[in-house]
Amino acid sequence: MRAYIVDDERLAVQRLTRMLDATGRVQVVGSATDPEEALAFLVDHDVDVLFLDIQMPGMTGFELLERLDRNPLVIFTTAYDRYALNAFDVNSIDYLLKPIDADRLNRALDKLVRVPVRDLARLLAAELAPNRKLERLASRVGERTTILEIARVTHFFAKDKLTFAVVNGRDHVIDYALADLESLLDARRFARIHRATIVNVPMIQELFPDVDGGMLVRLRDEKRTELSVARDRVRDLKQRLGI
């Protein structure tokens, strides 16, 4: 199988190349430390499996996949296990935590060759689906990871350089910026109502004037949460609500 490696750390690329060569199970046909360079190569060349770092300067591994027309099988490699859930959400074959262990790498290759043809077709079709959106998120605090169902999130907000998803009135830290969430969430359900807030539109119960002349929304949660709507976003929100 033809493999391509993308990682912004050159030493990591060299180490993984040596490890893959040692297995004798794949042929490394190229590598890149710059995701833009990798994208240019992958647009013009077919590969069977992509070993892909996630957090890279300029473009994440997830963003690189979104820009590809063809979809190789993916084995994610990263130093941050908080990305694991989201890696599997884009139908990767496996997820390797750095520093990569040789036995763990071989198990990932075992998974790769065991993918049945019918499952392979399903994986690629899911990756190609243009309207595929996030269905769940991971919130990690210490050693605990909480899985959040997107449909249950009332709103997202940014504060003190962190992003939070709110479920049942409880705030959960997540590893996404609001700008990234806008492109990943279902636009039929979620709307940006403020530079610091994205709301789950079906969760809105009331919309009323604010004391400063702006607009507020009240949600259907137990706390009857009130959120501020930026003046330049009021019209769009009212159209979404059919007002």
C-alpha atoms as a PDB file:
ATOM      1  CA  MET A   1       0.000   0.000   0.000  1.00  0.00           C
ATOM      2  CA  ARG A   2       1.210   3.468  -0.866  1.00  0.00           C
ATOM      3  CA  ALA A   3       1.534   5.756   2.151  1.00  0.00           C
ATOM      4  CA  TYR A   4       2.053   9.503   2.501  1.00  0.00           C
ATOM      5  CA  ILE A   5       3.055  11.260   5.745  1.00  0.00           C
ATOM      6  CA  VAL A   6       2.054  14.772   6.795  1.00  0.00           C
ATOM      7  CA  ASP A   7       3.508  16.206  10.001  1.00  0.00           C
ATOM      8  CA  ASP A   8       4.889  19.674  10.728  1.00  0.00           C
ATOM      9  CA  GLU A   9       7.730  18.129  12.774  1.00  0.00           C
ATOM     10  CA  ARG A  10      10.486  16.907  10.454  1.00  0.00           C
ATOM     11  CA  LEU A  11      11.905  14.498  13.042  1.00  0.00           C
ATOM     12  CA  ALA A  12       8.473  12.939  13.462  1.00  0.00           C
ATOM     13  CA  VAL A  13       8.247  12.410   9.689  1.00  0.00           C
ATOM     14  CA  GLN A  14      11.691  10.816   9.574  1.00  0.00           C
ATOM     15  CA  ARG A  15      10.952   8.527  12.534  1.00  0.00           C
ATOM     16  CA  LEU A  16       7.597   7.355  11.161  1.00  0.00           C
ATOM     17  CA  THR A  17       9.151   6.780   7.721  1.00  0.00           C
ATOM     18  CA  ARG A  18      11.794   4.509   9.277  1.00  0.00           C
ATOM     19  CA  MET A  19       9.161   2.641  11.278  1.00  0.00           C
ATOM     20  CA  LEU A  20       6.950   2.069   8.237  1.00  0.00           C
ATOM     21  CA  ASP A  21       9.898   0.958   6.110  1.00  0.00           C
ATOM     22  CA  ALA A  22      10.825  -1.518   8.843  1.00  0.00           C
ATOM     23  CA  THR A  23       7.379  -3.144   8.718  1.00  0.00           C
ATOM     24  CA  GLY A  24       7.755  -3.981   5.024  1.00  0.00           C
ATOM     25  CA  ARG A  25       3.973  -3.577   4.742  1.00  0.00           C
ATOM     26  CA  VAL A  26       3.650  -0.192   3.048  1.00  0.00           C
ATOM     27  CA  GLN A  27       5.615   1.938   0.618  1.00  0.00           C
ATOM     28  CA  VAL A  28       6.160   5.528   1.724  1.00  0.00           C
ATOM     29  CA  VAL A  29       5.768   7.461  -1.534  1.00  0.00           C
ATOM     30  CA  GLY A  30       6.219  10.919  -0.030  1.00  0.00           C
ATOM     31  CA  SER A  31       5.967  13.205   2.951  1.00  0.00           C
ATOM     32  CA  ALA A  32       5.605  16.868   3.864  1.00  0.00           C
ATOM     33  CA  THR A  33       6.015  19.117   6.873  1.00  0.00           C
ATOM     34  CA  ASP A  34       3.910  21.842   5.244  1.00  0.00           C
ATOM     35  CA  PRO A  35       0.196  20.973   4.867  1.00  0.00           C
ATOM     36  CA  GLU A  36      -0.092  23.212   1.791  1.00  0.00           C
ATOM     37  CA  GLU A  37       2.712  21.252   0.131  1.00  0.00           C
ATOM     38  CA  ALA A  38       0.995  18.015   1.109  1.00  0.00           C
ATOM     39  CA  LEU A  39      -2.300  19.230  -0.353  1.00  0.00           C
ATOM     40  CA  ALA A  40      -0.629  20.074  -3.668  1.00  0.00           C
ATOM     41  CA  PHE A  41       0.880  16.577  -3.838  1.00  0.00           C
ATOM     42  CA  LEU A  42      -2.304  14.764  -2.857  1.00  0.00           C
ATOM     43  CA  VAL A  43      -4.386  16.635  -5.423  1.00  0.00           C
ATOM     44  CA  ASP A  44      -2.233  15.166  -8.213  1.00  0.00           C
ATOM     45  CA  HIS A  45      -1.281  11.770  -6.771  1.00  0.00           C
ATOM     46  CA  ASP A  46      -3.257   8.789  -5.511  1.00  0.00           C
ATOM     47  CA  VAL A  47      -2.204   7.230  -2.222  1.00  0.00           C
ATOM     48  CA  ASP A  48      -3.808   4.385  -0.281  1.00  0.00           C
ATOM     49  CA  VAL A  49      -3.254   5.623   3.253  1.00  0.00           C
ATOM     50  CA  LEU A  50      -2.463   9.017   4.717  1.00  0.00           C
ATOM     51  CA  PHE A  51      -0.602   9.294   8.032  1.00  0.00           C
ATOM     52  CA  LEU A  52      -1.797  12.702   9.111  1.00  0.00           C
ATOM     53  CA  ASP A  53      -0.915  14.984  12.008  1.00  0.00           C
ATOM     54  CA  ILE A  54      -3.847  17.040  13.319  1.00  0.00           C
ATOM     55  CA  GLN A  55      -2.561  20.238  14.912  1.00  0.00           C
ATOM     56  CA  MET A  56      -0.318  21.992  12.352  1.00  0.00           C
ATOM     57  CA  PRO A  57       0.444  25.673  11.649  1.00  0.00           C
ATOM     58  CA  GLY A  58      -1.775  27.185   8.980  1.00  0.00           C
ATOM     59  CA  MET A  59      -4.020  24.167   8.403  1.00  0.00           C
ATOM     60  CA  THR A  60      -5.207  21.330  10.646  1.00  0.00           C
ATOM     61  CA  GLY A  61      -5.346  17.752   9.460  1.00  0.00           C
ATOM     62  CA  PHE A  62      -9.150  17.946   9.449  1.00  0.00           C
ATOM     63  CA  GLU A  63      -9.044  21.052   7.228  1.00  0.00           C
ATOM     64  CA  LEU A  64      -6.642  19.346   4.821  1.00  0.00           C
ATOM     65  CA  LEU A  65      -9.047  16.432   4.404  1.00  0.00           C
ATOM     66  CA  GLU A  66     -11.926  18.819   3.690  1.00  0.00           C
ATOM     67  CA  ARG A  67      -9.964  20.303   0.771  1.00  0.00           C
ATOM     68  CA  LEU A  68      -9.197  16.970  -0.871  1.00  0.00           C
ATOM     69  CA  ASP A  69     -11.289  15.750  -3.799  1.00  0.00           C
ATOM     70  CA  ARG A  70     -10.063  12.170  -3.420  1.00  0.00           C
ATOM     71  CA  ASN A  71     -10.149  10.432  -0.060  1.00  0.00           C
ATOM     72  CA  PRO A  72      -7.372   8.065   1.015  1.00  0.00           C
ATOM     73  CA  LEU A  73      -7.760   6.043   4.174  1.00  0.00           C
ATOM     74  CA  VAL A  74      -6.461   8.012   7.152  1.00  0.00           C
ATOM     75  CA  ILE A  75      -4.439   7.112  10.224  1.00  0.00           C
ATOM     76  CA  PHE A  76      -4.134  10.180  12.422  1.00  0.00           C
ATOM     77  CA  THR A  77      -0.930  10.860  14.364  1.00  0.00           C
ATOM     78  CA  THR A  78      -0.808  13.481  17.100  1.00  0.00           C
ATOM     79  CA  ALA A  79       0.640  14.311  20.501  1.00  0.00           C
ATOM     80  CA  TYR A  80      -2.780  15.332  21.837  1.00  0.00           C
ATOM     81  CA  ASP A  81      -5.269  12.580  22.705  1.00  0.00           C
ATOM     82  CA  ARG A  82      -8.066  15.173  23.077  1.00  0.00           C
ATOM     83  CA  TYR A  83      -8.499  14.922  19.307  1.00  0.00           C
ATOM     84  CA  ALA A  84      -9.259  11.198  19.345  1.00  0.00           C
ATOM     85  CA  LEU A  85     -13.046  11.420  19.243  1.00  0.00           C
ATOM     86  CA  ASN A  86     -13.052  13.959  16.428  1.00  0.00           C
ATOM     87  CA  ALA A  87     -10.548  11.860  14.472  1.00  0.00           C
ATOM     88  CA  PHE A  88     -12.955   8.930  14.476  1.00  0.00           C
ATOM     89  CA  ASP A  89     -15.817  11.274  13.624  1.00  0.00           C
ATOM     90  CA  VAL A  90     -14.278  11.723  10.151  1.00  0.00           C
ATOM     91  CA  ASN A  91     -14.025   7.949   9.647  1.00  0.00           C
ATOM     92  CA  SER A  92     -10.321   7.450  10.116  1.00  0.00           C
ATOM     93  CA  ILE A  93      -8.999   3.886  10.318  1.00  0.00           C
ATOM     94  CA  ASP A  94      -7.010   4.507  13.490  1.00  0.00           C
ATOM     95  CA  TYR A  95      -5.451   7.091  15.753  1.00  0.00           C
ATOM     96  CA  LEU A  96      -1.825   6.955  16.944  1.00  0.00           C
ATOM     97  CA  LEU A  97      -0.562   8.955  19.903  1.00  0.00           C
ATOM     98  CA  LYS A  98       3.009  10.272  19.708  1.00  0.00           C
ATOM     99  CA  PRO A  99       5.603   9.019  20.343  1.00  0.00           C
ATOM    100  CA  ILE A 100       4.322   6.180  18.181  1.00  0.00           C
ATOM    101  CA  ASP A 101       4.968   2.667  19.459  1.00  0.00           C
ATOM    102  CA  ALA A 102       6.013   0.026  16.910  1.00  0.00           C
ATOM    103  CA  ASP A 103       3.490  -2.541  18.157  1.00  0.00           C
ATOM    104  CA  ARG A 104       0.710   0.049  18.104  1.00  0.00           C
ATOM    105  CA  LEU A 105       1.670   1.001  14.550  1.00  0.00           C
ATOM    106  CA  ASN A 106       1.472  -2.635  13.436  1.00  0.00           C
ATOM    107  CA  ARG A 107      -1.983  -2.966  14.979  1.00  0.00           C
ATOM    108  CA  ALA A 108      -3.084   0.090  13.001  1.00  0.00           C
ATOM    109  CA  LEU A 109      -1.752  -1.509   9.812  1.00  0.00           C
ATOM    110  CA  ASP A 110      -3.649  -4.693  10.710  1.00  0.00           C
ATOM    111  CA  LYS A 111      -6.852  -2.650  10.848  1.00  0.00           C
ATOM    112  CA  LEU A 112      -5.996  -1.096   7.520  1.00  0.00           C
ATOM    113  CA  VAL A 113      -5.706  -4.377   5.645  1.00  0.00           C
ATOM    114  CA  ARG A 114      -8.777  -5.861   7.341  1.00  0.00           C
ATOM    115  CA  VAL A 115     -11.199  -3.187   6.116  1.00  0.00           C
ATOM    116  CA  PRO A 116     -13.773  -5.087   4.002  1.00  0.00           C
ATOM    117  CA  VAL A 117     -14.529  -3.684   0.567  1.00  0.00           C
ATOM    118  CA  ARG A 118     -18.117  -2.838   1.497  1.00  0.00           C
ATOM    119  CA  ASP A 119     -16.944  -0.980   4.627  1.00  0.00           C
ATOM    120  CA  LEU A 120     -14.293   0.827   2.615  1.00  0.00           C
ATOM    121  CA  ALA A 121     -16.960   2.087   0.220  1.00  0.00           C
ATOM    122  CA  ARG A 122     -19.055   3.264   3.172  1.00  0.00           C
ATOM    123  CA  LEU A 123     -16.108   5.103   4.729  1.00  0.00           C
ATOM    124  CA  LEU A 124     -15.214   6.908   1.537  1.00  0.00           C
ATOM    125  CA  ALA A 125     -18.823   7.820   0.795  1.00  0.00           C
ATOM    126  CA  ALA A 126     -19.164   9.330   4.258  1.00  0.00           C
ATOM    127  CA  GLU A 127     -15.987  11.371   3.806  1.00  0.00           C
ATOM    128  CA  LEU A 128     -17.209  12.620   0.442  1.00  0.00           C
ATOM    129  CA  ALA A 129     -20.644  13.665   1.714  1.00  0.00           C
ATOM    130  CA  PRO A 130     -20.649  17.480   1.325  1.00  0.00           C
ATOM    131  CA  ASN A 131     -23.257  18.121   4.016  1.00  0.00           C
ATOM    132  CA  ARG A 132     -21.758  15.906   6.689  1.00  0.00           C
ATOM    133  CA  LYS A 133     -21.639  17.813   9.972  1.00  0.00           C
ATOM    134  CA  LEU A 134     -20.420  17.246  13.502  1.00  0.00           C
ATOM    135  CA  GLU A 135     -22.634  14.957  15.521  1.00  0.00           C
ATOM    136  CA  ARG A 136     -20.628  14.925  18.752  1.00  0.00           C
ATOM    137  CA  LEU A 137     -17.763  16.678  20.520  1.00  0.00           C
ATOM    138  CA  ALA A 138     -15.276  15.763  23.207  1.00  0.00           C
ATOM    139  CA  SER A 139     -14.706  17.873  26.316  1.00  0.00           C
ATOM    140  CA  ARG A 140     -11.601  16.918  28.261  1.00  0.00           C
ATOM    141  CA  VAL A 141     -10.872  18.087  31.815  1.00  0.00           C
ATOM    142  CA  GLY A 142      -7.917  16.403  33.497  1.00  0.00           C
ATOM    143  CA  GLU A 143      -8.222  12.653  32.949  1.00  0.00           C
ATOM    144  CA  ARG A 144     -11.964  12.783  32.216  1.00  0.00           C
ATOM    145  CA  THR A 145     -13.385  13.093  28.706  1.00  0.00           C
ATOM    146  CA  THR A 146     -17.083  13.884  28.293  1.00  0.00           C
ATOM    147  CA  ILE A 147     -18.832  13.105  25.008  1.00  0.00           C
ATOM    148  CA  LEU A 148     -21.331  15.800  24.034  1.00  0.00           C
ATOM    149  CA  GLU A 149     -24.151  15.169  21.586  1.00  0.00           C
ATOM    150  CA  ILE A 150     -24.445  18.211  19.318  1.00  0.00           C
ATOM    151  CA  ALA A 151     -28.247  18.076  19.282  1.00  0.00           C
ATOM    152  CA  ARG A 152     -28.303  18.605  23.061  1.00  0.00           C
ATOM    153  CA  VAL A 153     -26.050  21.685  23.037  1.00  0.00           C
ATOM    154  CA  THR A 154     -28.129  24.827  23.670  1.00  0.00           C
ATOM    155  CA  HIS A 155     -25.349  27.209  22.680  1.00  0.00           C
ATOM    156  CA  PHE A 156     -21.619  27.754  22.319  1.00  0.00           C
ATOM    157  CA  PHE A 157     -19.769  30.753  23.663  1.00  0.00           C
ATOM    158  CA  ALA A 158     -16.221  32.091  23.831  1.00  0.00           C
ATOM    159  CA  LYS A 159     -14.734  33.597  26.978  1.00  0.00           C
ATOM    160  CA  ASP A 160     -11.183  34.221  28.194  1.00  0.00           C
ATOM    161  CA  LYS A 161      -9.713  32.618  25.032  1.00  0.00           C
ATOM    162  CA  LEU A 162     -11.672  29.395  25.628  1.00  0.00           C
ATOM    163  CA  THR A 163     -14.717  27.964  23.855  1.00  0.00           C
ATOM    164  CA  PHE A 164     -17.553  26.340  25.775  1.00  0.00           C
ATOM    165  CA  ALA A 165     -20.471  24.101  24.770  1.00  0.00           C
ATOM    166  CA  VAL A 166     -23.462  24.312  27.092  1.00  0.00           C
ATOM    167  CA  VAL A 167     -25.561  21.211  27.786  1.00  0.00           C
ATOM    168  CA  ASN A 168     -28.269  21.142  30.463  1.00  0.00           C
ATOM    169  CA  GLY A 169     -26.976  24.439  31.794  1.00  0.00           C
ATOM    170  CA  ARG A 170     -23.440  23.097  32.282  1.00  0.00           C
ATOM    171  CA  ASP A 171     -20.400  24.586  30.535  1.00  0.00           C
ATOM    172  CA  HIS A 172     -17.952  22.204  28.819  1.00  0.00           C
ATOM    173  CA  VAL A 173     -14.602  23.349  27.433  1.00  0.00           C
ATOM    174  CA  ILE A 174     -14.039  22.213  23.824  1.00  0.00           C
ATOM    175  CA  ASP A 175     -11.099  22.442  21.432  1.00  0.00           C
ATOM    176  CA  TYR A 176     -12.753  24.469  18.690  1.00  0.00           C
ATOM    177  CA  ALA A 177     -12.865  28.169  17.924  1.00  0.00           C
ATOM    178  CA  LEU A 178     -16.295  29.601  17.148  1.00  0.00           C
ATOM    179  CA  ALA A 179     -15.170  30.345  13.586  1.00  0.00           C
ATOM    180  CA  ASP A 180     -14.374  26.643  13.073  1.00  0.00           C
ATOM    181  CA  LEU A 181     -17.692  25.591  14.591  1.00  0.00           C
ATOM    182  CA  GLU A 182     -19.608  27.775  12.139  1.00  0.00           C
ATOM    183  CA  SER A 183     -18.371  25.644   9.241  1.00  0.00           C
ATOM    184  CA  LEU A 184     -18.707  22.317  11.057  1.00  0.00           C
ATOM    185  CA  LEU A 185     -22.191  22.706  12.548  1.00  0.00           C
ATOM    186  CA  ASP A 186     -25.460  22.208  10.704  1.00  0.00           C
ATOM    187  CA  ALA A 187     -26.390  25.700   9.471  1.00  0.00           C
ATOM    188  CA  ARG A 188     -30.073  24.724   9.491  1.00  0.00           C
ATOM    189  CA  ARG A 189     -29.901  24.372  13.271  1.00  0.00           C
ATOM    190  CA  PHE A 190     -27.131  26.659  14.547  1.00  0.00           C
ATOM    191  CA  ALA A 191     -26.719  30.425  14.045  1.00  0.00           C
ATOM    192  CA  ARG A 192     -24.038  32.919  15.047  1.00  0.00           C
ATOM    193  CA  ILE A 193     -25.881  35.634  16.983  1.00  0.00           C
ATOM    194  CA  HIS A 194     -22.840  37.420  18.414  1.00  0.00           C
ATOM    195  CA  ARG A 195     -19.101  37.396  17.864  1.00  0.00           C
ATOM    196  CA  ALA A 196     -18.891  35.339  21.073  1.00  0.00           C
ATOM    197  CA  THR A 197     -22.026  33.186  20.724  1.00  0.00           C
ATOM    198  CA  ILE A 198     -23.544  30.484  18.513  1.00  0.00           C
ATOM    199  CA  VAL A 199     -27.061  29.349  19.430  1.00  0.00           C
ATOM    200  CA  ASN A 200     -29.039  26.184  18.712  1.00  0.00           C
ATOM    201  CA  VAL A 201     -31.996  27.925  17.044  1.00  0.00           C
ATOM    202  CA  PRO A 202     -34.694  25.351  18.012  1.00  0.00           C
ATOM    203  CA  MET A 203     -33.690  25.987  21.638  1.00  0.00           C
ATOM    204  CA  ILE A 204     -34.865  29.620  21.454  1.00  0.00           C
ATOM    205  CA  GLN A 205     -38.118  30.228  23.331  1.00  0.00           C
ATOM    206  CA  GLU A 206     -38.410  34.028  23.323  1.00  0.00           C
ATOM    207  CA  LEU A 207     -36.892  37.022  21.605  1.00  0.00           C
ATOM    208  CA  PHE A 208     -37.294  40.477  23.158  1.00  0.00           C
ATOM    209  CA  PRO A 209     -35.677  43.959  23.290  1.00  0.00           C
ATOM    210  CA  ASP A 210     -32.705  44.584  25.544  1.00  0.00           C
ATOM    211  CA  VAL A 211     -32.499  47.648  27.785  1.00  0.00           C
ATOM    212  CA  ASP A 212     -29.748  49.180  25.630  1.00  0.00           C
ATOM    213  CA  GLY A 213     -31.833  48.957  22.481  1.00  0.00           C
ATOM    214  CA  GLY A 214     -30.389  45.665  21.381  1.00  0.00           C
ATOM    215  CA  MET A 215     -32.024  42.235  21.372  1.00  0.00           C
ATOM    216  CA  LEU A 216     -32.014  39.239  23.713  1.00  0.00           C
ATOM    217  CA  VAL A 217     -33.084  35.641  23.284  1.00  0.00           C
ATOM    218  CA  ARG A 218     -34.281  33.378  26.079  1.00  0.00           C
ATOM    219  CA  LEU A 219     -33.630  29.654  25.742  1.00  0.00           C
ATOM    220  CA  ARG A 220     -35.799  26.653  26.593  1.00  0.00           C
ATOM    221  CA  ASP A 221     -33.366  25.334  29.203  1.00  0.00           C
ATOM    222  CA  GLU A 222     -34.008  25.048  32.931  1.00  0.00           C
ATOM    223  CA  LYS A 223     -32.056  28.229  33.648  1.00  0.00           C
ATOM    224  CA  ARG A 224     -34.023  30.185  31.029  1.00  0.00           C
ATOM    225  CA  THR A 225     -30.674  31.430  29.773  1.00  0.00           C
ATOM    226  CA  GLU A 226     -30.630  34.855  28.131  1.00  0.00           C
ATOM    227  CA  LEU A 227     -28.205  35.603  25.305  1.00  0.00           C
ATOM    228  CA  SER A 228     -27.391  38.902  23.638  1.00  0.00           C
ATOM    229  CA  VAL A 229     -27.918  39.246  19.874  1.00  0.00           C
ATOM    230  CA  ALA A 230     -25.596  41.593  18.000  1.00  0.00           C
ATOM    231  CA  ARG A 231     -27.510  44.332  16.180  1.00  0.00           C
ATOM    232  CA  ASP A 232     -26.111  43.322  12.790  1.00  0.00           C
ATOM    233  CA  ARG A 233     -27.354  39.751  13.324  1.00  0.00           C
ATOM    234  CA  VAL A 234     -30.914  40.487  14.495  1.00  0.00           C
ATOM    235  CA  ARG A 235     -32.427  40.497  11.005  1.00  0.00           C
ATOM    236  CA  ASP A 236     -30.863  37.164  10.073  1.00  0.00           C
ATOM    237  CA  LEU A 237     -32.047  35.573  13.315  1.00  0.00           C
ATOM    238  CA  LYS A 238     -35.584  36.841  12.863  1.00  0.00           C
ATOM    239  CA  GLN A 239     -35.649  35.377   9.356  1.00  0.00           C
ATOM    240  CA  ARG A 240     -34.452  32.058  10.747  1.00  0.00           C
ATOM    241  CA  LEU A 241     -37.280  32.166  13.295  1.00  0.00           C
ATOM    242  CA  GLY A 242     -39.848  33.143  10.675  1.00  0.00           C
ATOM    243  CA  ILE A 243     -40.556  36.510  12.306  1.00  0.00           C
END
